[in-house]
Amino acid sequence: MVTVNGQAQDAAGKTLAELLASAGYETGRIAVERNGEIVPKAQYASTVLEDGDALEVVRFVGGG
């Protein structure tokens, strides 16, 4: 199981890019932290999620 923003998901073995696409995230407007470290966008497709990983996905919101 992988924890995404506090919610357990069966995503072990998927790439980060696959998880984000299936959840409907627009990768241009988010940042992802995996186990306390920011994952560069260039590594989303090559980052394979492992059992026990904890992800925090933050969306950027414009406005003023």
N, C-alpha and C. Protein backbone atom coordinates (compact mmCIF):
# COMPACT_ATOMS: atom_id res chain seq x y z
N MET A 1 0.83 -1.18 0.00
CA MET A 1 0.00 0.00 0.00
C MET A 1 0.88 1.25 0.00
N VAL A 2 0.39 2.26 -0.68
CA VAL A 2 1.05 3.56 -0.75
C VAL A 2 0.09 4.58 -0.14
N THR A 3 0.59 5.45 0.68
CA THR A 3 -0.25 6.48 1.28
C THR A 3 -0.12 7.76 0.46
N VAL A 4 -1.25 8.26 -0.03
CA VAL A 4 -1.29 9.48 -0.83
C VAL A 4 -2.15 10.50 -0.11
N ASN A 5 -1.52 11.57 0.35
CA ASN A 5 -2.22 12.61 1.11
C ASN A 5 -3.05 12.01 2.24
N GLY A 6 -2.46 11.04 2.94
CA GLY A 6 -3.11 10.44 4.09
C GLY A 6 -4.07 9.30 3.79
N GLN A 7 -4.28 8.99 2.53
CA GLN A 7 -5.20 7.92 2.13
C GLN A 7 -4.42 6.72 1.57
N ALA A 8 -4.68 5.54 2.07
CA ALA A 8 -4.01 4.33 1.58
C ALA A 8 -4.55 3.94 0.21
N GLN A 9 -3.64 3.63 -0.71
CA GLN A 9 -4.02 3.21 -2.05
C GLN A 9 -3.17 2.02 -2.46
N ASP A 10 -3.75 1.15 -3.27
CA ASP A 10 -3.02 -0.01 -3.78
C ASP A 10 -2.28 0.42 -5.04
N ALA A 11 -1.13 1.09 -4.87
CA ALA A 11 -0.40 1.65 -6.00
C ALA A 11 1.03 1.15 -6.09
N ALA A 12 1.43 0.24 -5.20
CA ALA A 12 2.79 -0.30 -5.26
C ALA A 12 3.01 -0.98 -6.60
N GLY A 13 4.15 -0.68 -7.22
CA GLY A 13 4.48 -1.25 -8.54
C GLY A 13 4.14 -0.33 -9.69
N LYS A 14 3.31 0.67 -9.47
CA LYS A 14 2.99 1.65 -10.50
C LYS A 14 4.06 2.74 -10.48
N THR A 15 4.19 3.44 -11.60
CA THR A 15 5.06 4.59 -11.59
C THR A 15 4.29 5.78 -11.02
N LEU A 16 5.01 6.76 -10.58
CA LEU A 16 4.38 7.97 -10.06
C LEU A 16 3.53 8.62 -11.14
N ALA A 17 4.02 8.62 -12.37
CA ALA A 17 3.26 9.20 -13.48
C ALA A 17 1.93 8.47 -13.68
N GLU A 18 1.93 7.15 -13.58
CA GLU A 18 0.69 6.37 -13.73
C GLU A 18 -0.30 6.71 -12.62
N LEU A 19 0.19 6.80 -11.40
CA LEU A 19 -0.68 7.12 -10.27
C LEU A 19 -1.31 8.50 -10.46
N LEU A 20 -0.49 9.48 -10.81
CA LEU A 20 -0.99 10.84 -10.98
C LEU A 20 -2.01 10.93 -12.10
N ALA A 21 -1.75 10.25 -13.22
CA ALA A 21 -2.69 10.26 -14.35
C ALA A 21 -4.01 9.61 -13.97
N SER A 22 -3.96 8.49 -13.26
CA SER A 22 -5.19 7.79 -12.89
C SER A 22 -6.01 8.59 -11.88
N ALA A 23 -5.33 9.45 -11.10
CA ALA A 23 -6.03 10.27 -10.12
C ALA A 23 -6.49 11.61 -10.71
N GLY A 24 -6.11 11.88 -11.97
CA GLY A 24 -6.56 13.09 -12.64
C GLY A 24 -5.76 14.34 -12.33
N TYR A 25 -4.54 14.17 -11.83
CA TYR A 25 -3.71 15.34 -11.53
C TYR A 25 -3.10 15.91 -12.81
N GLU A 26 -3.06 17.23 -12.91
CA GLU A 26 -2.38 17.93 -14.01
C GLU A 26 -0.95 18.17 -13.54
N THR A 27 0.00 17.45 -14.11
CA THR A 27 1.36 17.46 -13.56
C THR A 27 2.06 18.81 -13.66
N GLY A 28 1.59 19.69 -14.51
CA GLY A 28 2.21 21.01 -14.61
C GLY A 28 1.93 21.90 -13.42
N ARG A 29 0.93 21.58 -12.62
CA ARG A 29 0.52 22.46 -11.52
C ARG A 29 0.59 21.77 -10.16
N ILE A 30 1.47 20.78 -10.03
CA ILE A 30 1.58 20.09 -8.75
C ILE A 30 3.05 19.91 -8.36
N ALA A 31 3.25 19.58 -7.10
CA ALA A 31 4.55 19.14 -6.60
C ALA A 31 4.29 17.86 -5.82
N VAL A 32 5.23 16.93 -5.88
CA VAL A 32 5.07 15.65 -5.20
C VAL A 32 6.26 15.42 -4.27
N GLU A 33 5.93 15.07 -3.04
CA GLU A 33 6.94 14.69 -2.05
C GLU A 33 6.78 13.19 -1.80
N ARG A 34 7.88 12.47 -1.89
CA ARG A 34 7.87 11.02 -1.63
C ARG A 34 8.80 10.75 -0.46
N ASN A 35 8.23 10.25 0.61
CA ASN A 35 9.00 9.90 1.80
C ASN A 35 9.87 11.08 2.27
N GLY A 36 9.30 12.28 2.20
CA GLY A 36 9.99 13.46 2.71
C GLY A 36 10.88 14.19 1.73
N GLU A 37 10.97 13.71 0.48
CA GLU A 37 11.83 14.36 -0.51
C GLU A 37 11.03 14.70 -1.76
N ILE A 38 11.26 15.89 -2.30
CA ILE A 38 10.58 16.32 -3.52
C ILE A 38 11.06 15.47 -4.69
N VAL A 39 10.12 15.01 -5.52
CA VAL A 39 10.44 14.24 -6.71
C VAL A 39 10.44 15.20 -7.90
N PRO A 40 11.56 15.33 -8.62
CA PRO A 40 11.58 16.19 -9.81
C PRO A 40 10.60 15.68 -10.86
N LYS A 41 9.94 16.60 -11.55
CA LYS A 41 8.95 16.21 -12.57
C LYS A 41 9.55 15.29 -13.62
N ALA A 42 10.82 15.48 -13.95
CA ALA A 42 11.49 14.65 -14.96
C ALA A 42 11.60 13.19 -14.52
N GLN A 43 11.39 12.91 -13.23
CA GLN A 43 11.52 11.55 -12.72
C GLN A 43 10.18 10.87 -12.46
N TYR A 44 9.06 11.54 -12.73
CA TYR A 44 7.75 10.95 -12.46
C TYR A 44 7.57 9.62 -13.20
N ALA A 45 7.97 9.55 -14.46
CA ALA A 45 7.76 8.34 -15.26
C ALA A 45 8.69 7.19 -14.85
N SER A 46 9.81 7.53 -14.23
CA SER A 46 10.77 6.47 -13.87
C SER A 46 10.74 6.12 -12.38
N THR A 47 9.91 6.82 -11.60
CA THR A 47 9.82 6.55 -10.17
C THR A 47 8.76 5.48 -9.92
N VAL A 48 9.21 4.30 -9.54
CA VAL A 48 8.31 3.19 -9.26
C VAL A 48 7.97 3.21 -7.77
N LEU A 49 6.70 3.22 -7.47
CA LEU A 49 6.24 3.29 -6.09
C LEU A 49 6.39 1.94 -5.40
N GLU A 50 6.80 2.00 -4.14
CA GLU A 50 7.02 0.78 -3.36
C GLU A 50 6.06 0.72 -2.18
N ASP A 51 5.80 -0.48 -1.73
CA ASP A 51 4.94 -0.68 -0.57
C ASP A 51 5.50 0.11 0.60
N GLY A 52 4.65 0.89 1.24
CA GLY A 52 5.07 1.69 2.38
C GLY A 52 5.42 3.12 2.05
N ASP A 53 5.50 3.48 0.76
CA ASP A 53 5.79 4.85 0.39
C ASP A 53 4.70 5.79 0.89
N ALA A 54 5.10 7.01 1.25
CA ALA A 54 4.16 8.05 1.64
C ALA A 54 4.34 9.23 0.69
N LEU A 55 3.26 9.58 0.01
CA LEU A 55 3.30 10.69 -0.94
C LEU A 55 2.44 11.84 -0.45
N GLU A 56 2.90 13.05 -0.70
CA GLU A 56 2.10 14.25 -0.50
C GLU A 56 2.06 14.94 -1.85
N VAL A 57 0.87 15.16 -2.35
CA VAL A 57 0.70 15.83 -3.63
C VAL A 57 0.05 17.19 -3.34
N VAL A 58 0.74 18.25 -3.79
CA VAL A 58 0.27 19.61 -3.54
C VAL A 58 -0.03 20.27 -4.87
N ARG A 59 -1.24 20.86 -4.98
CA ARG A 59 -1.63 21.59 -6.19
C ARG A 59 -1.35 23.07 -5.99
N PHE A 60 -0.82 23.69 -7.05
CA PHE A 60 -0.61 25.13 -7.02
C PHE A 60 -1.87 25.81 -7.50
N VAL A 61 -2.28 26.84 -6.78
CA VAL A 61 -3.49 27.56 -7.11
C VAL A 61 -3.11 29.03 -7.33
N GLY A 62 -3.52 29.55 -8.48
CA GLY A 62 -3.24 30.96 -8.78
C GLY A 62 -4.36 31.84 -8.22
N GLY A 63 -4.07 33.09 -8.18
CA GLY A 63 -5.09 34.03 -7.71
C GLY A 63 -4.44 35.16 -6.95
N GLY A 64 -5.28 35.99 -6.45
CA GLY A 64 -4.69 37.09 -5.71
C GLY A 64 -5.72 37.94 -5.03
